[in-house]
């Protein structure tokens, strides 16, 4: 076999680097995780934020809105005057806490448990939303799963199917179910990830679905723009959510954001820091944007 000539390395040396310990070690076996069990709890609400009726009387469906980024988006949308519908898997305690807090903000919240991998479930979500609120203005496709695997050889067909059905098939299903009720001025926002642009050697199938979501967002935007429906996305970096503690080992959680998934800001983001990107895309502030992705990722440079 022909090999191009290269210089061999001269040797190796050890270098010690300090890595911040950001969180107590913890791991949850249930996926995608329970927020009420996390220490410390993710920060989903900014107490200093003052709403200005940007989404007054809008109705928003936020998948996975029971916890994590979805919860923070639900709170912020409610502060801006929207009523919220939250399809979620089975994290009832988290969901009920989110509902109670939305109602304390003066808005209505409808919880709908079920598995969105099943296309029929998306139809149920839409039917119940129309039954209670009579309209749909905003769809946020947000829920996801991720499974850490050190090699592609460890990714089974079952895992691959689960990841794709949860992370991208369900986005198709929800969009198809909602579309007949959307009108000019309606908005769809999809949650992709920094891994769509950077990749991740331990999250190959997850990163692949996020790449699909990015392209789905751009293609769907072109399809719906003539109807006056805008489609955009958000690509967060490492965020402190239940998905983190149910995916990574307890040891990896300790350095999440500074060692694992390290970013230039040298920390993980909090959900409330991401929610404002969704609000911008949901409101008229972004009226001249469609097919675009926002990057709240702690300073990581990406090529979009």
Protein backbone atom coordinates (compact mmCIF):
# COMPACT_ATOMS: atom_id res chain seq x y z
CA UNK A 1 0.00 0.00 0.00
CA UNK A 2 1.45 3.39 -0.99
CA UNK A 3 1.83 5.90 1.85
CA UNK A 4 2.71 9.57 1.49
CA UNK A 5 5.84 10.54 3.39
CA UNK A 6 5.20 12.26 6.73
CA UNK A 7 7.40 13.18 9.68
CA UNK A 8 6.91 11.11 12.79
CA UNK A 9 6.13 12.85 16.07
CA UNK A 10 9.13 13.54 18.26
CA UNK A 11 7.37 12.20 21.37
CA UNK A 12 4.68 13.26 23.80
CA UNK A 13 4.40 15.45 26.88
CA UNK A 14 1.76 15.71 29.56
CA UNK A 15 -0.07 19.00 30.10
CA UNK A 16 -2.32 19.75 33.05
CA UNK A 17 -5.34 21.96 32.41
CA UNK A 18 -7.94 23.17 34.87
CA UNK A 19 -11.57 22.34 34.07
CA UNK A 20 -14.38 24.04 35.96
CA UNK A 21 -16.69 21.79 37.97
CA UNK A 22 -20.03 23.41 37.23
CA UNK A 23 -22.60 20.95 38.57
CA UNK A 24 -22.83 18.24 41.22
CA UNK A 25 -22.34 14.77 39.73
CA UNK A 26 -25.72 13.23 38.93
CA UNK A 27 -27.36 10.90 36.46
CA UNK A 28 -30.95 9.87 35.75
CA UNK A 29 -31.77 6.54 34.17
CA UNK A 30 -35.10 7.76 32.78
CA UNK A 31 -34.83 9.49 29.42
CA UNK A 32 -35.33 12.37 28.64
CA UNK A 33 -35.18 13.13 32.38
CA UNK A 34 -37.05 14.86 35.19
CA UNK A 35 -36.35 18.49 35.98
CA UNK A 36 -37.67 18.33 39.54
CA UNK A 37 -34.89 15.88 40.47
CA UNK A 38 -32.02 18.04 39.16
CA UNK A 39 -29.58 19.84 41.46
CA UNK A 40 -29.39 22.72 40.93
CA UNK A 41 -32.64 23.25 39.08
CA UNK A 42 -32.37 24.83 35.63
CA UNK A 43 -33.20 28.52 35.58
CA UNK A 44 -36.28 28.82 33.39
CA UNK A 45 -37.66 32.20 34.43
CA UNK A 46 -36.01 35.61 34.44
CA UNK A 47 -37.66 37.53 37.30
CA UNK A 48 -36.43 40.86 35.91
CA UNK A 49 -38.08 40.42 32.51
CA UNK A 50 -41.06 42.68 31.80
CA UNK A 51 -43.41 41.66 29.01
CA UNK A 52 -44.79 44.07 26.42
CA UNK A 53 -47.68 42.08 24.90
CA UNK A 54 -45.68 40.91 21.89
CA UNK A 55 -47.76 37.72 21.69
CA UNK A 56 -51.03 39.02 23.14
CA UNK A 57 -53.81 36.41 22.84
CA UNK A 58 -51.72 34.14 20.60
CA UNK A 59 -51.94 30.36 21.02
CA UNK A 60 -48.63 28.49 21.00
CA UNK A 61 -48.00 24.74 20.93
CA UNK A 62 -44.59 24.00 22.49
CA UNK A 63 -43.60 20.34 22.31
CA UNK A 64 -41.56 19.22 25.30
CA UNK A 65 -42.60 22.39 27.09
CA UNK A 66 -42.83 20.63 30.45
CA UNK A 67 -39.14 21.24 31.22
CA UNK A 68 -35.81 22.53 29.95
CA UNK A 69 -35.75 24.95 27.03
CA UNK A 70 -39.41 24.29 26.26
CA UNK A 71 -40.45 25.31 29.78
CA UNK A 72 -38.47 28.56 29.56
CA UNK A 73 -40.03 29.35 26.18
CA UNK A 74 -43.50 28.64 27.59
CA UNK A 75 -42.93 31.00 30.51
CA UNK A 76 -41.63 33.79 28.29
CA UNK A 77 -44.45 33.39 25.76
CA UNK A 78 -46.96 33.53 28.63
CA UNK A 79 -45.33 36.70 29.96
CA UNK A 80 -45.88 38.17 26.49
CA UNK A 81 -49.59 37.29 26.51
CA UNK A 82 -49.82 33.86 24.84
CA UNK A 83 -51.83 30.83 25.94
CA UNK A 84 -49.77 27.65 25.90
CA UNK A 85 -50.33 24.04 24.82
CA UNK A 86 -47.71 21.55 26.01
CA UNK A 87 -47.48 18.07 24.49
CA UNK A 88 -45.08 16.03 26.61
CA UNK A 89 -44.15 12.38 27.13
CA UNK A 90 -44.96 11.39 30.72
CA UNK A 91 -43.12 13.80 33.04
CA UNK A 92 -46.32 14.69 34.88
CA UNK A 93 -44.78 16.42 37.92
CA UNK A 94 -42.68 18.71 35.74
CA UNK A 95 -45.63 19.40 33.45
CA UNK A 96 -47.98 20.30 36.27
CA UNK A 97 -45.41 22.66 37.78
CA UNK A 98 -45.04 24.38 34.42
CA UNK A 99 -48.82 24.66 34.01
CA UNK A 100 -49.25 26.15 37.50
CA UNK A 101 -46.58 28.77 36.86
CA UNK A 102 -48.08 29.73 33.50
CA UNK A 103 -51.45 30.19 35.15
CA UNK A 104 -49.79 32.35 37.82
CA UNK A 105 -48.59 34.52 34.95
CA UNK A 106 -52.24 35.01 33.99
CA UNK A 107 -52.42 32.74 30.94
CA UNK A 108 -54.05 29.39 30.18
CA UNK A 109 -52.11 26.15 29.75
CA UNK A 110 -53.28 22.86 28.27
CA UNK A 111 -51.22 19.74 29.02
CA UNK A 112 -51.39 16.78 26.61
CA UNK A 113 -49.34 13.68 27.55
CA UNK A 114 -48.39 11.24 24.80
CA UNK A 115 -45.65 10.02 22.49
CA UNK A 116 -45.19 12.22 19.43
CA UNK A 117 -43.34 9.46 17.58
CA UNK A 118 -46.85 8.26 16.76
CA UNK A 119 -48.32 10.42 13.99
CA UNK A 120 -51.81 10.01 15.42
CA UNK A 121 -50.67 11.74 18.61
CA UNK A 122 -49.90 14.93 16.71
CA UNK A 123 -53.46 14.91 15.38
CA UNK A 124 -54.78 14.53 18.93
CA UNK A 125 -52.70 17.52 20.06
CA UNK A 126 -54.10 19.71 17.32
CA UNK A 127 -57.69 18.55 17.85
CA UNK A 128 -57.53 19.30 21.58
CA UNK A 129 -55.90 22.67 20.94
CA UNK A 130 -58.61 23.73 18.51
CA UNK A 131 -61.30 22.41 20.83
CA UNK A 132 -60.06 24.55 23.73
CA UNK A 133 -58.65 27.64 22.03
CA UNK A 134 -60.15 27.65 18.52
CA UNK A 135 -56.90 28.54 16.77
CA UNK A 136 -53.14 27.97 16.51
CA UNK A 137 -50.70 30.82 15.88
CA UNK A 138 -47.31 29.38 16.81
CA UNK A 139 -45.78 25.90 16.67
CA UNK A 140 -42.50 25.27 18.49
CA UNK A 141 -41.08 21.84 17.63
CA UNK A 142 -38.70 21.36 20.52
CA UNK A 143 -38.68 17.90 22.11
CA UNK A 144 -35.76 15.50 21.58
CA UNK A 145 -33.79 12.52 22.83
CA UNK A 146 -30.07 11.83 22.70
CA UNK A 147 -28.05 8.75 23.63
CA UNK A 148 -24.30 8.94 24.19
CA UNK A 149 -22.41 6.22 22.32
CA UNK A 150 -18.62 6.10 21.98
CA UNK A 151 -18.74 4.43 18.56
CA UNK A 152 -21.15 4.15 15.66
CA UNK A 153 -20.81 0.39 16.15
CA UNK A 154 -22.72 0.78 19.43
CA UNK A 155 -25.72 2.49 17.81
CA UNK A 156 -28.35 -0.17 17.35
CA UNK A 157 -31.08 -0.07 14.73
CA UNK A 158 -33.57 0.37 17.57
CA UNK A 159 -31.75 3.41 18.96
CA UNK A 160 -31.38 4.91 15.49
CA UNK A 161 -35.09 4.49 14.84
CA UNK A 162 -36.05 5.99 18.22
CA UNK A 163 -33.78 8.99 17.77
CA UNK A 164 -34.96 9.80 14.25
CA UNK A 165 -38.64 9.17 14.99
CA UNK A 166 -38.51 11.39 18.08
CA UNK A 167 -36.29 14.18 16.80
CA UNK A 168 -37.31 14.65 13.16
CA UNK A 169 -40.26 12.42 12.22
CA UNK A 170 -42.34 14.01 14.99
CA UNK A 171 -41.48 17.48 13.68
CA UNK A 172 -42.92 16.45 10.31
CA UNK A 173 -46.00 14.95 12.01
CA UNK A 174 -46.70 18.04 14.14
CA UNK A 175 -46.21 20.40 11.22
CA UNK A 176 -48.55 18.41 8.97
CA UNK A 177 -51.22 18.30 11.68
CA UNK A 178 -50.98 22.02 12.46
CA UNK A 179 -50.67 23.37 8.93
CA UNK A 180 -54.40 23.39 7.99
CA UNK A 181 -55.03 25.76 10.91
CA UNK A 182 -52.18 28.17 10.30
CA UNK A 183 -52.73 31.43 8.47
CA UNK A 184 -50.81 34.43 7.22
CA UNK A 185 -48.65 35.65 10.10
CA UNK A 186 -48.35 32.24 11.77
CA UNK A 187 -44.94 31.01 12.84
CA UNK A 188 -43.12 27.67 13.11
CA UNK A 189 -39.90 27.46 15.14
CA UNK A 190 -37.75 24.31 15.17
CA UNK A 191 -35.11 23.46 17.76
CA UNK A 192 -31.95 22.21 16.11
CA UNK A 193 -28.49 22.25 17.79
CA UNK A 194 -24.91 23.41 17.55
CA UNK A 195 -24.16 19.74 16.78
CA UNK A 196 -25.89 20.28 13.43
CA UNK A 197 -22.94 22.48 12.49
CA UNK A 198 -20.06 21.05 14.53
CA UNK A 199 -21.04 17.39 14.83
CA UNK A 200 -20.32 15.38 17.99
CA UNK A 201 -18.34 12.16 18.01
CA UNK A 202 -20.40 10.71 20.88
CA UNK A 203 -23.80 11.82 19.54
CA UNK A 204 -23.66 10.73 15.91
CA UNK A 205 -27.33 9.84 15.46
CA UNK A 206 -28.53 12.84 17.48
CA UNK A 207 -26.30 15.22 15.50
CA UNK A 208 -27.62 13.70 12.27
CA UNK A 209 -31.22 14.42 13.26
CA UNK A 210 -30.30 17.98 14.15
CA UNK A 211 -28.74 18.43 10.74
CA UNK A 212 -31.97 17.13 9.26
CA UNK A 213 -33.95 19.66 11.32
CA UNK A 214 -31.80 22.52 10.03
CA UNK A 215 -32.46 21.49 6.42
CA UNK A 216 -36.13 20.80 7.21
CA UNK A 217 -36.41 24.37 8.52
CA UNK A 218 -34.91 25.89 5.39
CA UNK A 219 -36.93 23.75 3.00
CA UNK A 220 -40.21 24.22 4.87
CA UNK A 221 -39.64 27.96 4.90
CA UNK A 222 -39.42 28.00 1.11
CA UNK A 223 -42.56 25.88 0.89
CA UNK A 224 -44.69 28.09 3.17
CA UNK A 225 -43.38 31.59 2.54
CA UNK A 226 -45.96 32.27 -0.18
CA UNK A 227 -48.69 31.63 2.41
CA UNK A 228 -47.21 34.23 4.76
CA UNK A 229 -46.08 31.57 7.26
CA UNK A 230 -42.54 32.06 8.57
CA UNK A 231 -40.33 29.11 9.55
CA UNK A 232 -37.12 29.59 11.53
CA UNK A 233 -34.99 27.66 13.99
CA UNK A 234 -32.79 27.92 17.07
CA UNK A 235 -29.51 26.00 17.47
CA UNK A 236 -28.58 26.04 21.17
CA UNK A 237 -25.22 25.04 22.54
CA UNK A 238 -24.92 23.03 25.80
CA UNK A 239 -27.85 23.97 28.03
CA UNK A 240 -28.55 22.76 31.58
CA UNK A 241 -31.68 20.63 31.07
CA UNK A 242 -32.99 17.17 32.06
CA UNK A 243 -31.65 15.84 28.75
CA UNK A 244 -28.14 16.49 30.06
CA UNK A 245 -28.42 14.42 33.23
CA UNK A 246 -30.23 11.59 31.49
CA UNK A 247 -27.65 11.41 28.67
CA UNK A 248 -24.23 11.91 30.20
CA UNK A 249 -22.49 10.09 33.05
CA UNK A 250 -22.39 11.68 36.51
CA UNK A 251 -18.71 12.47 35.99
CA UNK A 252 -19.34 14.17 32.64
CA UNK A 253 -22.19 16.21 34.13
CA UNK A 254 -19.74 17.83 36.57
CA UNK A 255 -17.93 19.59 33.74
CA UNK A 256 -20.83 20.02 31.32
CA UNK A 257 -20.16 23.26 29.43
CA UNK A 258 -16.55 23.56 30.56
CA UNK A 259 -15.13 20.12 29.78
CA UNK A 260 -17.87 18.10 28.11
CA UNK A 261 -19.25 20.24 25.24
CA UNK A 262 -16.81 23.04 26.10
CA UNK A 263 -17.71 26.48 24.75
CA UNK A 264 -15.79 29.80 24.69
CA UNK A 265 -17.88 31.19 27.58
CA UNK A 266 -16.69 28.16 29.58
CA UNK A 267 -20.10 27.34 31.03
CA UNK A 268 -23.40 25.78 30.12
CA UNK A 269 -26.29 28.06 29.29
CA UNK A 270 -29.52 28.27 31.28
CA UNK A 271 -32.89 27.75 29.56
CA UNK A 272 -34.07 31.33 30.14
CA UNK A 273 -31.06 32.59 28.19
CA UNK A 274 -32.24 30.66 25.14
CA UNK A 275 -35.94 31.51 25.35
CA UNK A 276 -35.50 35.05 24.09
CA UNK A 277 -34.33 33.73 20.72
CA UNK A 278 -37.66 31.91 20.36
CA UNK A 279 -39.59 35.01 21.37
CA UNK A 280 -37.79 37.07 18.75
CA UNK A 281 -38.69 34.54 16.05
CA UNK A 282 -42.28 34.20 17.27
CA UNK A 283 -42.98 37.93 17.34
CA UNK A 284 -43.23 40.61 14.68
CA UNK A 285 -39.71 41.71 15.62
CA UNK A 286 -38.50 39.09 13.13
CA UNK A 287 -41.08 39.83 10.44
CA UNK A 288 -38.42 39.92 7.70
CA UNK A 289 -36.84 36.59 8.67
CA UNK A 290 -37.64 33.11 7.44
CA UNK A 291 -35.51 30.04 6.85
CA UNK A 292 -32.93 31.30 9.36
CA UNK A 293 -31.25 29.75 12.41
CA UNK A 294 -30.26 31.65 15.57
CA UNK A 295 -27.20 30.48 17.51
CA UNK A 296 -27.32 31.03 21.30
CA UNK A 297 -24.37 28.73 21.94
CA UNK A 298 -21.95 30.41 24.34
CA UNK A 299 -19.71 31.91 21.68
CA UNK A 300 -19.02 28.93 19.43
CA UNK A 301 -18.36 30.04 15.86
CA UNK A 302 -20.38 28.13 13.29
CA UNK A 303 -20.76 28.37 9.55
CA UNK A 304 -24.41 28.48 8.57
